[in-house]
Amino acid sequence: MTTGRTAATGLTLSGAPEPAPSPYRWAWYLPGLVAVGWGVYGLLPSVQPLQWGLFVVLGIAAHDLLLAPIAVGVGWLLSRIVPAVLRAPLQVGLIGTGVAFVASLAYVLGRGTSEDVPSAVPFNYAGRVGMALALLWVAMAGWAGFRWAAGANADQPE
């Protein structure tokens, strides 16, 4: 049974006491609330609020039931397989690849193209995303090679 004091502060997974929250954390909530408010303001006059609501609900469900568990599973697997010296570049590369994939998916699939306005989405986005990912992985390979050559101590926390 925990005491009131222990239950209020909590413990981290390592057993160390949880640090007190910063008083400045509230400053980060304001821009987020403004962004959410602006989005809701833009959706209110929408002619298809039911479709937007369905999109939001399915997006949240897909994140919580599919994307987040996959990311946690891959992270757990990497922590077991990859040497610690190479783990950070690999994680950054995988996260960057995922973000680029999600951000560019609509363009790569050709959504937004129009016969009437050929300049609306005029580029070969699949090739450009591929080039960006190639540059990302070249940078990650360079970072990993530098860490490997520098002999980063695998026992040190990242």
Protein backbone atom coordinates (compact mmCIF):
# COMPACT_ATOMS: atom_id res chain seq x y z
CA MET A 1 0.00 0.00 0.00
CA THR A 2 1.40 3.38 -0.93
CA THR A 3 1.21 6.42 1.23
CA GLY A 4 -0.48 9.60 0.06
CA ARG A 5 2.87 11.30 -0.47
CA THR A 6 4.31 8.49 -2.61
CA ALA A 7 1.14 8.12 -4.65
CA ALA A 8 1.03 11.85 -5.35
CA THR A 9 4.61 12.12 -6.62
CA GLY A 10 4.88 8.71 -8.26
CA LEU A 11 7.96 6.77 -9.23
CA THR A 12 9.64 6.29 -12.57
CA LEU A 13 10.21 2.82 -14.06
CA SER A 14 13.75 2.82 -12.69
CA GLY A 15 12.43 3.42 -9.17
CA ALA A 16 13.71 6.98 -8.92
CA PRO A 17 11.23 9.59 -7.74
CA GLU A 18 9.40 11.41 -10.49
CA PRO A 19 10.65 15.00 -10.92
CA ALA A 20 8.29 17.83 -10.15
CA PRO A 21 6.57 19.25 -13.24
CA SER A 22 7.93 22.51 -14.56
CA PRO A 23 5.79 25.59 -13.99
CA TYR A 24 6.52 26.57 -17.61
CA ARG A 25 4.68 23.56 -19.02
CA TRP A 26 1.51 25.63 -19.16
CA ALA A 27 3.19 27.91 -21.70
CA TRP A 28 3.29 24.96 -24.12
CA TYR A 29 -0.43 24.29 -23.77
CA LEU A 30 -1.46 27.71 -25.07
CA PRO A 31 -0.12 27.34 -28.66
CA GLY A 32 -1.67 23.87 -28.84
CA LEU A 33 -5.04 25.12 -27.69
CA VAL A 34 -4.87 27.99 -30.18
CA ALA A 35 -4.09 25.54 -33.00
CA VAL A 36 -6.94 23.22 -31.99
CA GLY A 37 -9.31 26.18 -31.73
CA TRP A 38 -8.29 27.42 -35.18
CA GLY A 39 -8.89 23.96 -36.61
CA VAL A 40 -12.33 23.70 -35.01
CA TYR A 41 -13.16 27.20 -36.26
CA GLY A 42 -12.22 26.11 -39.78
CA LEU A 43 -14.30 22.94 -39.55
CA LEU A 44 -17.48 24.53 -38.23
CA PRO A 45 -18.65 25.95 -41.56
CA SER A 46 -17.62 22.73 -43.34
CA VAL A 47 -20.26 21.22 -45.55
CA GLN A 48 -19.29 17.71 -44.42
CA PRO A 49 -18.84 17.77 -40.63
CA LEU A 50 -19.84 14.10 -40.33
CA GLN A 51 -17.02 13.03 -42.65
CA TRP A 52 -14.53 15.17 -40.73
CA GLY A 53 -15.69 13.67 -37.45
CA LEU A 54 -15.33 10.16 -38.86
CA PHE A 55 -11.85 11.04 -40.15
CA VAL A 56 -10.77 12.29 -36.72
CA VAL A 57 -12.21 9.29 -34.85
CA LEU A 58 -10.67 6.79 -37.28
CA GLY A 59 -7.36 8.65 -37.22
CA ILE A 60 -7.20 8.51 -33.44
CA ALA A 61 -8.18 4.84 -33.43
CA ALA A 62 -5.60 3.99 -36.10
CA HIS A 63 -2.91 5.79 -34.12
CA ASP A 64 -3.75 4.19 -30.80
CA LEU A 65 -4.49 0.69 -32.06
CA LEU A 66 -2.02 0.36 -34.94
CA LEU A 67 0.75 2.95 -35.24
CA ALA A 68 1.68 3.37 -31.58
CA PRO A 69 1.89 -0.38 -30.83
CA ILE A 70 3.99 -0.93 -33.96
CA ALA A 71 6.36 1.89 -32.96
CA VAL A 72 6.68 0.53 -29.42
CA GLY A 73 7.28 -2.99 -30.75
CA VAL A 74 9.95 -1.83 -33.19
CA GLY A 75 11.62 0.21 -30.42
CA TRP A 76 11.61 -2.78 -28.10
CA LEU A 77 13.02 -5.01 -30.83
CA LEU A 78 15.75 -2.49 -31.66
CA SER A 79 16.76 -2.29 -28.01
CA ARG A 80 17.27 -6.07 -28.01
CA ILE A 81 19.02 -6.48 -31.38
CA VAL A 82 20.96 -3.32 -32.28
CA PRO A 83 24.14 -2.34 -30.39
CA ALA A 84 23.67 0.76 -28.25
CA VAL A 85 26.20 2.75 -30.29
CA LEU A 86 24.04 2.37 -33.43
CA ARG A 87 20.63 2.64 -31.79
CA ALA A 88 20.18 6.43 -31.87
CA PRO A 89 20.94 6.89 -35.59
CA LEU A 90 18.66 3.99 -36.45
CA GLN A 91 15.82 5.32 -34.30
CA VAL A 92 16.12 8.83 -35.76
CA GLY A 93 16.18 7.39 -39.28
CA LEU A 94 13.11 5.23 -38.68
CA ILE A 95 11.16 8.08 -37.07
CA GLY A 96 12.14 10.44 -39.90
CA THR A 97 11.09 7.85 -42.47
CA GLY A 98 7.71 7.42 -40.78
CA VAL A 99 7.09 11.16 -40.58
CA ALA A 100 8.09 11.66 -44.23
CA PHE A 101 5.85 8.78 -45.28
CA VAL A 102 2.80 10.08 -43.43
CA ALA A 103 3.37 13.70 -44.48
CA SER A 104 3.81 12.87 -48.16
CA LEU A 105 1.31 10.05 -48.63
CA ALA A 106 -1.44 12.24 -50.13
CA TYR A 107 0.96 13.79 -52.63
CA VAL A 108 2.52 10.47 -53.61
CA LEU A 109 -0.94 8.97 -54.20
CA GLY A 110 -1.85 11.96 -56.37
CA ARG A 111 -4.63 13.39 -54.22
CA GLY A 112 -5.42 16.97 -55.13
CA THR A 113 -4.61 16.69 -58.81
CA SER A 114 -7.02 18.25 -61.24
CA GLU A 115 -7.41 18.18 -65.01
CA ASP A 116 -8.55 21.81 -64.86
CA VAL A 117 -5.52 23.02 -62.90
CA PRO A 118 -2.48 21.01 -64.02
CA SER A 119 -0.14 23.05 -61.82
CA ALA A 120 -1.97 22.14 -58.58
CA VAL A 121 0.31 19.18 -57.83
CA PRO A 122 2.85 19.29 -60.67
CA PHE A 123 5.84 17.32 -59.37
CA ASN A 124 6.93 13.70 -59.15
CA TYR A 125 6.45 13.49 -55.40
CA ALA A 126 7.33 9.80 -55.13
CA GLY A 127 10.78 10.50 -56.57
CA ARG A 128 11.28 13.53 -54.37
CA VAL A 129 10.27 11.66 -51.22
CA GLY A 130 12.57 8.82 -52.24
CA MET A 131 15.44 11.28 -52.66
CA ALA A 132 14.72 12.89 -49.28
CA LEU A 133 14.69 9.46 -47.63
CA ALA A 134 17.94 8.51 -49.37
CA LEU A 135 19.57 11.69 -48.04
CA LEU A 136 18.19 10.98 -44.57
CA TRP A 137 19.63 7.46 -44.55
CA VAL A 138 22.99 8.60 -45.93
CA ALA A 139 23.15 11.08 -43.04
CA MET A 140 22.14 8.37 -40.55
CA ALA A 141 24.77 6.00 -41.96
CA GLY A 142 27.39 8.74 -41.61
CA TRP A 143 26.30 9.42 -38.04
CA ALA A 144 26.34 5.72 -37.19
CA GLY A 145 29.76 5.29 -38.82
CA PHE A 146 31.13 8.24 -36.88
CA ARG A 147 29.77 6.85 -33.61
CA TRP A 148 31.15 3.40 -34.39
CA ALA A 149 34.58 4.75 -35.32
CA ALA A 150 34.70 7.09 -32.35
CA GLY A 151 34.15 4.09 -30.12
CA ALA A 152 31.18 5.50 -28.26
CA ASN A 153 30.82 3.71 -24.96
CA ALA A 154 27.82 1.39 -25.19
CA ASP A 155 27.47 1.37 -21.41
CA GLN A 156 26.73 5.09 -21.25
CA PRO A 157 23.08 6.17 -21.41
CA GLU A 158 22.04 7.97 -24.59
